[in-house]
Amino acid sequence: TGKIDFGKLAGGIAQAARREEASGLARRLAIALSECHKPTRILIAARDTTAMAFMGCWKGELFETIRAADHISLASLDTASHSFADVRAKEWLYTQLAEILAATERR
């Protein structure tokens, strides 16, 4: 009908703006990463829903010092395949792993 329900709109905006508390898993991961001093690369399937939830936490205060750490990096591929199963994703994953292994051998 073209009519806008402003009550629903306001509720949706409020819900979207609400900050969710980090899950126990996110807190445990943040602690583990903060205690790890080895080179670490996190591989993300950017359109995977779990990866999107992780990125929401990653960009937050909980991971602020971890994001700034020189030895921790994040790489993402524009895919929904969290297992990197399609051909393009599999090639990207293999390339990432080869780079990590080569860097490890140089140390």
PDB file of N, CA and C in Angstrom:
ATOM      1  N   THR A   1       0.821  -1.206   0.000  1.00  0.00           N
ATOM      2  CA  THR A   1       0.000   0.000   0.000  1.00  0.00           C
ATOM      3  C   THR A   1       0.854   1.255   0.000  1.00  0.00           C
ATOM      4  N   GLY A   2       2.150   1.116   0.231  1.00  0.00           N
ATOM      5  CA  GLY A   2       3.023   2.279   0.263  1.00  0.00           C
ATOM      6  C   GLY A   2       3.067   2.962   1.615  1.00  0.00           C
ATOM      7  N   LYS A   3       2.296   2.457   2.589  1.00  0.00           N
ATOM      8  CA  LYS A   3       2.289   3.071   3.921  1.00  0.00           C
ATOM      9  C   LYS A   3       3.468   2.561   4.733  1.00  0.00           C
ATOM     10  N   ILE A   4       4.021   3.426   5.538  1.00  0.00           N
ATOM     11  CA  ILE A   4       5.159   3.066   6.378  1.00  0.00           C
ATOM     12  C   ILE A   4       4.693   2.977   7.818  1.00  0.00           C
ATOM     13  N   ASP A   5       5.008   1.877   8.464  1.00  0.00           N
ATOM     14  CA  ASP A   5       4.717   1.719   9.888  1.00  0.00           C
ATOM     15  C   ASP A   5       5.921   2.273  10.635  1.00  0.00           C
ATOM     16  N   PHE A   6       5.821   3.515  11.090  1.00  0.00           N
ATOM     17  CA  PHE A   6       6.945   4.187  11.741  1.00  0.00           C
ATOM     18  C   PHE A   6       7.337   3.515  13.052  1.00  0.00           C
ATOM     19  N   GLY A   7       6.395   2.887  13.717  1.00  0.00           N
ATOM     20  CA  GLY A   7       6.704   2.154  14.949  1.00  0.00           C
ATOM     21  C   GLY A   7       7.635   0.993  14.665  1.00  0.00           C
ATOM     22  N   LYS A   8       7.302   0.206  13.635  1.00  0.00           N
ATOM     23  CA  LYS A   8       8.161  -0.923  13.260  1.00  0.00           C
ATOM     24  C   LYS A   8       9.509  -0.435  12.755  1.00  0.00           C
ATOM     25  N   LEU A   9       9.502   0.651  11.994  1.00  0.00           N
ATOM     26  CA  LEU A   9      10.743   1.212  11.475  1.00  0.00           C
ATOM     27  C   LEU A   9      11.651   1.641  12.623  1.00  0.00           C
ATOM     28  N   ALA A  10      11.088   2.358  13.601  1.00  0.00           N
ATOM     29  CA  ALA A  10      11.873   2.823  14.747  1.00  0.00           C
ATOM     30  C   ALA A  10      12.399   1.634  15.550  1.00  0.00           C
ATOM     31  N   GLY A  11      11.575   0.616  15.726  1.00  0.00           N
ATOM     32  CA  GLY A  11      12.010  -0.574  16.449  1.00  0.00           C
ATOM     33  C   GLY A  11      13.139  -1.291  15.732  1.00  0.00           C
ATOM     34  N   GLY A  12      13.042  -1.394  14.417  1.00  0.00           N
ATOM     35  CA  GLY A  12      14.091  -2.035  13.629  1.00  0.00           C
ATOM     36  C   GLY A  12      15.400  -1.274  13.698  1.00  0.00           C
ATOM     37  N   ILE A  13      15.315   0.044  13.632  1.00  0.00           N
ATOM     38  CA  ILE A  13      16.526   0.873  13.724  1.00  0.00           C
ATOM     39  C   ILE A  13      17.160   0.728  15.102  1.00  0.00           C
ATOM     40  N   ALA A  14      16.339   0.737  16.141  1.00  0.00           N
ATOM     41  CA  ALA A  14      16.853   0.593  17.504  1.00  0.00           C
ATOM     42  C   ALA A  14      17.528  -0.757  17.684  1.00  0.00           C
ATOM     43  N   GLN A  15      16.920  -1.808  17.139  1.00  0.00           N
ATOM     44  CA  GLN A  15      17.493  -3.141  17.261  1.00  0.00           C
ATOM     45  C   GLN A  15      18.816  -3.241  16.504  1.00  0.00           C
ATOM     46  N   ALA A  16      18.888  -2.648  15.334  1.00  0.00           N
ATOM     47  CA  ALA A  16      20.110  -2.691  14.536  1.00  0.00           C
ATOM     48  C   ALA A  16      21.237  -1.912  15.204  1.00  0.00           C
ATOM     49  N   ALA A  17      20.901  -0.854  15.914  1.00  0.00           N
ATOM     50  CA  ALA A  17      21.906  -0.015  16.548  1.00  0.00           C
ATOM     51  C   ALA A  17      22.384  -0.586  17.883  1.00  0.00           C
ATOM     52  N   ARG A  18      21.625  -1.489  18.453  1.00  0.00           N
ATOM     53  CA  ARG A  18      21.965  -2.076  19.747  1.00  0.00           C
ATOM     54  C   ARG A  18      23.236  -2.893  19.631  1.00  0.00           C
ATOM     55  N   ARG A  19      24.141  -2.707  20.570  1.00  0.00           N
ATOM     56  CA  ARG A  19      25.377  -3.472  20.583  1.00  0.00           C
ATOM     57  C   ARG A  19      25.134  -4.775  21.321  1.00  0.00           C
ATOM     58  N   GLU A  20      25.517  -5.862  20.692  1.00  0.00           N
ATOM     59  CA  GLU A  20      25.396  -7.147  21.348  1.00  0.00           C
ATOM     60  C   GLU A  20      26.647  -7.392  22.171  1.00  0.00           C
ATOM     61  N   GLU A  21      26.465  -7.993  23.331  1.00  0.00           N
ATOM     62  CA  GLU A  21      27.593  -8.351  24.163  1.00  0.00           C
ATOM     63  C   GLU A  21      28.348  -9.500  23.485  1.00  0.00           C
ATOM     64  N   ALA A  22      29.646  -9.460  23.568  1.00  0.00           N
ATOM     65  CA  ALA A  22      30.457 -10.504  22.947  1.00  0.00           C
ATOM     66  C   ALA A  22      30.145 -11.848  23.598  1.00  0.00           C
ATOM     67  N   SER A  23      30.096 -12.873  22.794  1.00  0.00           N
ATOM     68  CA  SER A  23      29.821 -14.221  23.293  1.00  0.00           C
ATOM     69  C   SER A  23      31.014 -14.742  24.087  1.00  0.00           C
ATOM     70  N   GLY A  24      30.768 -15.811  24.821  1.00  0.00           N
ATOM     71  CA  GLY A  24      31.854 -16.452  25.561  1.00  0.00           C
ATOM     72  C   GLY A  24      32.948 -16.936  24.627  1.00  0.00           C
ATOM     73  N   LEU A  25      32.550 -17.444  23.467  1.00  0.00           N
ATOM     74  CA  LEU A  25      33.528 -17.907  22.479  1.00  0.00           C
ATOM     75  C   LEU A  25      34.401 -16.750  22.010  1.00  0.00           C
ATOM     76  N   ALA A  26      33.791 -15.612  21.727  1.00  0.00           N
ATOM     77  CA  ALA A  26      34.563 -14.446  21.278  1.00  0.00           C
ATOM     78  C   ALA A  26      35.528 -13.993  22.373  1.00  0.00           C
ATOM     79  N   ARG A  27      35.077 -13.997  23.615  1.00  0.00           N
ATOM     80  CA  ARG A  27      35.967 -13.598  24.714  1.00  0.00           C
ATOM     81  C   ARG A  27      37.130 -14.583  24.865  1.00  0.00           C
ATOM     82  N   ARG A  28      36.843 -15.887  24.758  1.00  0.00           N
ATOM     83  CA  ARG A  28      37.913 -16.889  24.872  1.00  0.00           C
ATOM     84  C   ARG A  28      38.908 -16.755  23.718  1.00  0.00           C
ATOM     85  N   LEU A  29      38.409 -16.482  22.517  1.00  0.00           N
ATOM     86  CA  LEU A  29      39.295 -16.295  21.366  1.00  0.00           C
ATOM     87  C   LEU A  29      40.162 -15.058  21.551  1.00  0.00           C
ATOM     88  N   ALA A  30      39.568 -13.989  22.035  1.00  0.00           N
ATOM     89  CA  ALA A  30      40.336 -12.757  22.275  1.00  0.00           C
ATOM     90  C   ALA A  30      41.446 -13.007  23.292  1.00  0.00           C
ATOM     91  N   ILE A  31      41.148 -13.753  24.334  1.00  0.00           N
ATOM     92  CA  ILE A  31      42.163 -14.072  25.344  1.00  0.00           C
ATOM     93  C   ILE A  31      43.263 -14.926  24.725  1.00  0.00           C
ATOM     94  N   ALA A  32      42.876 -15.962  23.977  1.00  0.00           N
ATOM     95  CA  ALA A  32      43.867 -16.848  23.354  1.00  0.00           C
ATOM     96  C   ALA A  32      44.767 -16.077  22.396  1.00  0.00           C
ATOM     97  N   LEU A  33      44.175 -15.213  21.580  1.00  0.00           N
ATOM     98  CA  LEU A  33      44.982 -14.444  20.627  1.00  0.00           C
ATOM     99  C   LEU A  33      45.887 -13.447  21.343  1.00  0.00           C
ATOM    100  N   SER A  34      45.424 -12.881  22.438  1.00  0.00           N
ATOM    101  CA  SER A  34      46.254 -11.910  23.167  1.00  0.00           C
ATOM    102  C   SER A  34      47.427 -12.601  23.855  1.00  0.00           C
ATOM    103  N   GLU A  35      47.282 -13.889  24.165  1.00  0.00           N
ATOM    104  CA  GLU A  35      48.354 -14.642  24.807  1.00  0.00           C
ATOM    105  C   GLU A  35      49.292 -15.310  23.800  1.00  0.00           C
ATOM    106  N   CYS A  36      48.896 -15.324  22.536  1.00  0.00           N
ATOM    107  CA  CYS A  36      49.694 -15.948  21.486  1.00  0.00           C
ATOM    108  C   CYS A  36      50.670 -14.922  20.908  1.00  0.00           C
ATOM    109  N   HIS A  37      51.931 -15.309  20.820  1.00  0.00           N
ATOM    110  CA  HIS A  37      52.935 -14.384  20.290  1.00  0.00           C
ATOM    111  C   HIS A  37      53.564 -14.909  19.005  1.00  0.00           C
ATOM    112  N   LYS A  38      52.964 -15.935  18.443  1.00  0.00           N
ATOM    113  CA  LYS A  38      53.437 -16.490  17.176  1.00  0.00           C
ATOM    114  C   LYS A  38      52.694 -15.821  16.020  1.00  0.00           C
ATOM    115  N   PRO A  39      53.302 -15.763  14.855  1.00  0.00           N
ATOM    116  CA  PRO A  39      52.602 -15.198  13.692  1.00  0.00           C
ATOM    117  C   PRO A  39      51.287 -15.946  13.459  1.00  0.00           C
ATOM    118  N   THR A  40      50.217 -15.201  13.309  1.00  0.00           N
ATOM    119  CA  THR A  40      48.878 -15.773  13.172  1.00  0.00           C
ATOM    120  C   THR A  40      48.134 -15.067  12.054  1.00  0.00           C
ATOM    121  N   ARG A  41      47.578 -15.850  11.147  1.00  0.00           N
ATOM    122  CA  ARG A  41      46.750 -15.285  10.081  1.00  0.00           C
ATOM    123  C   ARG A  41      45.366 -15.916  10.181  1.00  0.00           C
ATOM    124  N   ILE A  42      44.353 -15.088  10.312  1.00  0.00           N
ATOM    125  CA  ILE A  42      42.969 -15.546  10.397  1.00  0.00           C
ATOM    126  C   ILE A  42      42.387 -15.467   8.993  1.00  0.00           C
ATOM    127  N   LEU A  43      41.840 -16.592   8.515  1.00  0.00           N
ATOM    128  CA  LEU A  43      41.273 -16.664   7.171  1.00  0.00           C
ATOM    129  C   LEU A  43      39.754 -16.619   7.259  1.00  0.00           C
ATOM    130  N   ILE A  44      39.159 -15.701   6.502  1.00  0.00           N
ATOM    131  CA  ILE A  44      37.724 -15.434   6.592  1.00  0.00           C
ATOM    132  C   ILE A  44      37.047 -15.618   5.243  1.00  0.00           C
ATOM    133  N   ALA A  45      35.919 -16.309   5.259  1.00  0.00           N
ATOM    134  CA  ALA A  45      35.012 -16.370   4.104  1.00  0.00           C
ATOM    135  C   ALA A  45      34.006 -15.239   4.325  1.00  0.00           C
ATOM    136  N   ALA A  46      34.217 -14.117   3.666  1.00  0.00           N
ATOM    137  CA  ALA A  46      33.547 -12.851   3.997  1.00  0.00           C
ATOM    138  C   ALA A  46      32.023 -12.903   4.011  1.00  0.00           C
ATOM    139  N   ARG A  47      31.405 -13.757   3.211  1.00  0.00           N
ATOM    140  CA  ARG A  47      29.938 -13.792   3.170  1.00  0.00           C
ATOM    141  C   ARG A  47      29.340 -14.938   3.984  1.00  0.00           C
ATOM    142  N   ASP A  48      30.170 -15.657   4.707  1.00  0.00           N
ATOM    143  CA  ASP A  48      29.685 -16.713   5.592  1.00  0.00           C
ATOM    144  C   ASP A  48      29.108 -16.063   6.849  1.00  0.00           C
ATOM    145  N   THR A  49      27.966 -16.538   7.321  1.00  0.00           N
ATOM    146  CA  THR A  49      27.307 -15.884   8.452  1.00  0.00           C
ATOM    147  C   THR A  49      28.137 -15.954   9.734  1.00  0.00           C
ATOM    148  N   THR A  50      28.834 -17.053   9.954  1.00  0.00           N
ATOM    149  CA  THR A  50      29.692 -17.139  11.138  1.00  0.00           C
ATOM    150  C   THR A  50      30.846 -16.153  11.021  1.00  0.00           C
ATOM    151  N   ALA A  51      31.407 -16.046   9.824  1.00  0.00           N
ATOM    152  CA  ALA A  51      32.497 -15.092   9.606  1.00  0.00           C
ATOM    153  C   ALA A  51      32.010 -13.654   9.799  1.00  0.00           C
ATOM    154  N   MET A  52      30.794 -13.375   9.346  1.00  0.00           N
ATOM    155  CA  MET A  52      30.253 -12.021   9.538  1.00  0.00           C
ATOM    156  C   MET A  52      30.070 -11.722  11.020  1.00  0.00           C
ATOM    157  N   ALA A  53      29.624 -12.710  11.789  1.00  0.00           N
ATOM    158  CA  ALA A  53      29.488 -12.518  13.237  1.00  0.00           C
ATOM    159  C   ALA A  53      30.859 -12.286  13.863  1.00  0.00           C
ATOM    160  N   PHE A  54      31.849 -13.061  13.433  1.00  0.00           N
ATOM    161  CA  PHE A  54      33.209 -12.870  13.928  1.00  0.00           C
ATOM    162  C   PHE A  54      33.707 -11.467  13.604  1.00  0.00           C
ATOM    163  N   MET A  55      33.484 -11.019  12.369  1.00  0.00           N
ATOM    164  CA  MET A  55      33.953  -9.697  11.967  1.00  0.00           C
ATOM    165  C   MET A  55      33.297  -8.598  12.795  1.00  0.00           C
ATOM    166  N   GLY A  56      32.034  -8.806  13.186  1.00  0.00           N
ATOM    167  CA  GLY A  56      31.378  -7.850  14.068  1.00  0.00           C
ATOM    168  C   GLY A  56      32.125  -7.728  15.384  1.00  0.00           C
ATOM    169  N   CYS A  57      32.579  -8.853  15.918  1.00  0.00           N
ATOM    170  CA  CYS A  57      33.373  -8.837  17.154  1.00  0.00           C
ATOM    171  C   CYS A  57      34.769  -8.298  16.901  1.00  0.00           C
ATOM    172  N   TRP A  58      35.375  -8.721  15.798  1.00  0.00           N
ATOM    173  CA  TRP A  58      36.739  -8.316  15.448  1.00  0.00           C
ATOM    174  C   TRP A  58      36.868  -6.793  15.389  1.00  0.00           C
ATOM    175  N   LYS A  59      35.852  -6.138  14.874  1.00  0.00           N
ATOM    176  CA  LYS A  59      35.892  -4.682  14.728  1.00  0.00           C
ATOM    177  C   LYS A  59      35.583  -3.956  16.035  1.00  0.00           C
ATOM    178  N   GLY A  60      35.214  -4.698  17.059  1.00  0.00           N
ATOM    179  CA  GLY A  60      34.824  -4.100  18.335  1.00  0.00           C
ATOM    180  C   GLY A  60      35.979  -3.904  19.296  1.00  0.00           C
ATOM    181  N   GLU A  61      35.637  -3.387  20.440  1.00  0.00           N
ATOM    182  CA  GLU A  61      36.604  -3.047  21.485  1.00  0.00           C
ATOM    183  C   GLU A  61      37.350  -4.277  22.007  1.00  0.00           C
ATOM    184  N   LEU A  62      36.679  -5.407  22.068  1.00  0.00           N
ATOM    185  CA  LEU A  62      37.272  -6.627  22.608  1.00  0.00           C
ATOM    186  C   LEU A  62      38.551  -7.021  21.868  1.00  0.00           C
ATOM    187  N   PHE A  63      38.598  -6.797  20.564  1.00  0.00           N
ATOM    188  CA  PHE A  63      39.745  -7.197  19.751  1.00  0.00           C
ATOM    189  C   PHE A  63      40.647  -6.018  19.373  1.00  0.00           C
ATOM    190  N   GLU A  64      40.450  -4.879  19.984  1.00  0.00           N
ATOM    191  CA  GLU A  64      41.185  -3.666  19.611  1.00  0.00           C
ATOM    192  C   GLU A  64      42.706  -3.856  19.690  1.00  0.00           C
ATOM    193  N   THR A  65      43.202  -4.344  20.793  1.00  0.00           N
ATOM    194  CA  THR A  65      44.661  -4.515  20.918  1.00  0.00           C
ATOM    195  C   THR A  65      45.169  -5.648  20.032  1.00  0.00           C
ATOM    196  N   ILE A  66      44.328  -6.633  19.799  1.00  0.00           N
ATOM    197  CA  ILE A  66      44.722  -7.756  18.940  1.00  0.00           C
ATOM    198  C   ILE A  66      44.850  -7.291  17.496  1.00  0.00           C
ATOM    199  N   ARG A  67      43.919  -6.451  17.049  1.00  0.00           N
ATOM    200  CA  ARG A  67      44.001  -5.915  15.681  1.00  0.00           C
ATOM    201  C   ARG A  67      45.288  -5.127  15.481  1.00  0.00           C
ATOM    202  N   ALA A  68      45.776  -4.495  16.528  1.00  0.00           N
ATOM    203  CA  ALA A  68      46.982  -3.665  16.429  1.00  0.00           C
ATOM    204  C   ALA A  68      48.274  -4.483  16.498  1.00  0.00           C
ATOM    205  N   ALA A  69      48.173  -5.748  16.870  1.00  0.00           N
ATOM    206  CA  ALA A  69      49.370  -6.589  17.007  1.00  0.00           C
ATOM    207  C   ALA A  69      49.993  -6.863  15.640  1.00  0.00           C
ATOM    208  N   ASP A  70      51.308  -6.688  15.557  1.00  0.00           N
ATOM    209  CA  ASP A  70      52.027  -6.887  14.290  1.00  0.00           C
ATOM    210  C   ASP A  70      52.015  -8.339  13.823  1.00  0.00           C
ATOM    211  N   HIS A  71      51.944  -9.259  14.741  1.00  0.00           N
ATOM    212  CA  HIS A  71      52.058 -10.680  14.385  1.00  0.00           C
ATOM    213  C   HIS A  71      50.712 -11.331  14.056  1.00  0.00           C
ATOM    214  N   ILE A  72      49.630 -10.587  14.148  1.00  0.00           N
ATOM    215  CA  ILE A  72      48.308 -11.129  13.829  1.00  0.00           C
ATOM    216  C   ILE A  72      47.752 -10.393  12.616  1.00  0.00           C
ATOM    217  N   SER A  73      47.339 -11.175  11.620  1.00  0.00           N
ATOM    218  CA  SER A  73      46.753 -10.570  10.423  1.00  0.00           C
ATOM    219  C   SER A  73      45.461 -11.295  10.073  1.00  0.00           C
ATOM    220  N   LEU A  74      44.695 -10.664   9.239  1.00  0.00           N
ATOM    221  CA  LEU A  74      43.421 -11.224   8.813  1.00  0.00           C
ATOM    222  C   LEU A  74      43.351 -11.119   7.302  1.00  0.00           C
ATOM    223  N   ALA A  75      42.963 -12.202   6.662  1.00  0.00           N
ATOM    224  CA  ALA A  75      42.779 -12.212   5.211  1.00  0.00           C
ATOM    225  C   ALA A  75      41.381 -12.728   4.933  1.00  0.00           C
ATOM    226  N   SER A  76      40.715 -12.109   3.971  1.00  0.00           N
ATOM    227  CA  SER A  76      39.357 -12.571   3.670  1.00  0.00           C
ATOM    228  C   SER A  76      39.162 -12.726   2.169  1.00  0.00           C
ATOM    229  N   LEU A  77      38.265 -13.623   1.853  1.00  0.00           N
ATOM    230  CA  LEU A  77      37.886 -13.887   0.473  1.00  0.00           C
ATOM    231  C   LEU A  77      36.390 -13.675   0.359  1.00  0.00           C
ATOM    232  N   ASP A  78      35.962 -13.057  -0.714  1.00  0.00           N
ATOM    233  CA  ASP A  78      34.540 -12.797  -0.935  1.00  0.00           C
ATOM    234  C   ASP A  78      33.842 -14.087  -1.366  1.00  0.00           C
ATOM    235  N   THR A  79      33.507 -14.898  -0.379  1.00  0.00           N
ATOM    236  CA  THR A  79      32.810 -16.162  -0.614  1.00  0.00           C
ATOM    237  C   THR A  79      31.931 -16.467   0.589  1.00  0.00           C
ATOM    238  N   ALA A  80      30.914 -17.265   0.384  1.00  0.00           N
ATOM    239  CA  ALA A  80      30.066 -17.725   1.479  1.00  0.00           C
ATOM    240  C   ALA A  80      30.491 -19.116   1.935  1.00  0.00           C
ATOM    241  N   SER A  81      31.481 -19.683   1.282  1.00  0.00           N
ATOM    242  CA  SER A  81      31.921 -21.045   1.569  1.00  0.00           C
ATOM    243  C   SER A  81      32.885 -21.061   2.752  1.00  0.00           C
ATOM    244  N   HIS A  82      32.353 -21.292   3.949  1.00  0.00           N
ATOM    245  CA  HIS A  82      33.218 -21.282   5.127  1.00  0.00           C
ATOM    246  C   HIS A  82      34.237 -22.413   5.114  1.00  0.00           C
ATOM    247  N   SER A  83      34.010 -23.413   4.296  1.00  0.00           N
ATOM    248  CA  SER A  83      34.979 -24.505   4.179  1.00  0.00           C
ATOM    249  C   SER A  83      35.891 -24.306   2.969  1.00  0.00           C
ATOM    250  N   PHE A  84      35.738 -23.176   2.267  1.00  0.00           N
ATOM    251  CA  PHE A  84      36.547 -22.857   1.091  1.00  0.00           C
ATOM    252  C   PHE A  84      36.508 -24.015   0.088  1.00  0.00           C
ATOM    253  N   ALA A  85      35.282 -24.492  -0.191  1.00  0.00           N
ATOM    254  CA  ALA A  85      35.105 -25.713  -0.971  1.00  0.00           C
ATOM    255  C   ALA A  85      35.074 -25.507  -2.483  1.00  0.00           C
ATOM    256  N   ASP A  86      34.623 -24.345  -2.947  1.00  0.00           N
ATOM    257  CA  ASP A  86      34.570 -24.164  -4.399  1.00  0.00           C
ATOM    258  C   ASP A  86      35.987 -23.959  -4.944  1.00  0.00           C
ATOM    259  N   VAL A  87      36.150 -24.083  -6.233  1.00  0.00           N
ATOM    260  CA  VAL A  87      37.482 -24.068  -6.861  1.00  0.00           C
ATOM    261  C   VAL A  87      38.246 -22.786  -6.531  1.00  0.00           C
ATOM    262  N   ARG A  88      37.625 -21.638  -6.716  1.00  0.00           N
ATOM    263  CA  ARG A  88      38.295 -20.359  -6.464  1.00  0.00           C
ATOM    264  C   ARG A  88      38.709 -20.236  -4.996  1.00  0.00           C
ATOM    265  N   ALA A  89      37.811 -20.608  -4.096  1.00  0.00           N
ATOM    266  CA  ALA A  89      38.099 -20.510  -2.665  1.00  0.00           C
ATOM    267  C   ALA A  89      39.193 -21.488  -2.256  1.00  0.00           C
ATOM    268  N   LYS A  90      39.159 -22.674  -2.838  1.00  0.00           N
ATOM    269  CA  LYS A  90      40.167 -23.685  -2.525  1.00  0.00           C
ATOM    270  C   LYS A  90      41.543 -23.206  -2.977  1.00  0.00           C
ATOM    271  N   GLU A  91      41.630 -22.601  -4.160  1.00  0.00           N
ATOM    272  CA  GLU A  91      42.899 -22.073  -4.646  1.00  0.00           C
ATOM    273  C   GLU A  91      43.412 -20.960  -3.739  1.00  0.00           C
ATOM    274  N   TRP A  92      42.498 -20.088  -3.300  1.00  0.00           N
ATOM    275  CA  TRP A  92      42.876 -19.003  -2.391  1.00  0.00           C
ATOM    276  C   TRP A  92      43.399 -19.570  -1.079  1.00  0.00           C
ATOM    277  N   LEU A  93      42.696 -20.556  -0.540  1.00  0.00           N
ATOM    278  CA  LEU A  93      43.109 -21.181   0.716  1.00  0.00           C
ATOM    279  C   LEU A  93      44.497 -21.805   0.567  1.00  0.00           C
ATOM    280  N   TYR A  94      44.721 -22.556  -0.506  1.00  0.00           N
ATOM    281  CA  TYR A  94      46.032 -23.171  -0.729  1.00  0.00           C
ATOM    282  C   TYR A  94      47.131 -22.120  -0.836  1.00  0.00           C
ATOM    283  N   THR A  95      46.834 -21.008  -1.511  1.00  0.00           N
ATOM    284  CA  THR A  95      47.809 -19.918  -1.626  1.00  0.00           C
ATOM    285  C   THR A  95      48.128 -19.335  -0.252  1.00  0.00           C
ATOM    286  N   GLN A  96      47.088 -19.109   0.550  1.00  0.00           N
ATOM    287  CA  GLN A  96      47.294 -18.581   1.904  1.00  0.00           C
ATOM    288  C   GLN A  96      48.162 -19.533   2.727  1.00  0.00           C
ATOM    289  N   LEU A  97      47.839 -20.815   2.677  1.00  0.00           N
ATOM    290  CA  LEU A  97      48.603 -21.806   3.445  1.00  0.00           C
ATOM    291  C   LEU A  97      50.047 -21.897   2.965  1.00  0.00           C
ATOM    292  N   ALA A  98      50.259 -21.838   1.656  1.00  0.00           N
ATOM    293  CA  ALA A  98      51.620 -21.879   1.110  1.00  0.00           C
ATOM    294  C   ALA A  98      52.426 -20.665   1.578  1.00  0.00           C
ATOM    295  N   GLU A  99      51.807 -19.498   1.580  1.00  0.00           N
ATOM    296  CA  GLU A  99      52.492 -18.284   2.061  1.00  0.00           C
ATOM    297  C   GLU A  99      52.860 -18.414   3.534  1.00  0.00           C
ATOM    298  N   ILE A 100      51.942 -18.935   4.322  1.00  0.00           N
ATOM    299  CA  ILE A 100      52.193 -19.094   5.761  1.00  0.00           C
ATOM    300  C   ILE A 100      53.331 -20.087   5.997  1.00  0.00           C
ATOM    301  N   LEU A 101      53.295 -21.209   5.279  1.00  0.00           N
ATOM    302  CA  LEU A 101      54.352 -22.212   5.437  1.00  0.00           C
ATOM    303  C   LEU A 101      55.703 -21.679   4.978  1.00  0.00           C
ATOM    304  N   ALA A 102      55.732 -20.939   3.882  1.00  0.00           N
ATOM    305  CA  ALA A 102      56.993 -20.360   3.380  1.00  0.00           C
ATOM    306  C   ALA A 102      57.560 -19.364   4.393  1.00  0.00           C
ATOM    307  N   ALA A 103      56.700 -18.562   4.975  1.00  0.00           N
ATOM    308  CA  ALA A 103      57.145 -17.583   5.968  1.00  0.00           C
ATOM    309  C   ALA A 103      57.671 -18.293   7.220  1.00  0.00           C
ATOM    310  N   THR A 104      57.067 -19.402   7.577  1.00  0.00           N
ATOM    311  CA  THR A 104      57.494 -20.176   8.740  1.00  0.00           C
ATOM    312  C   THR A 104      58.867 -20.788   8.495  1.00  0.00           C
ATOM    313  N   GLU A 105      59.100 -21.271   7.283  1.00  0.00           N
ATOM    314  CA  GLU A 105      60.393 -21.870   6.951  1.00  0.00           C
ATOM    315  C   GLU A 105      61.510 -20.842   6.981  1.00  0.00           C
ATOM    316  N   ARG A 106      61.223 -19.587   6.660  1.00  0.00           N
ATOM    317  CA  ARG A 106      62.238 -18.533   6.644  1.00  0.00           C
ATOM    318  C   ARG A 106      62.658 -18.141   8.051  1.00  0.00           C
ATOM    319  N   ARG A 107      61.871 -18.460   9.037  1.00  0.00           N
ATOM    320  CA  ARG A 107      62.193 -18.072  10.423  1.00  0.00           C
ATOM    321  C   ARG A 107      63.171 -18.998  11.034  1.00  0.00           C
TER     322      ARG A 107
END
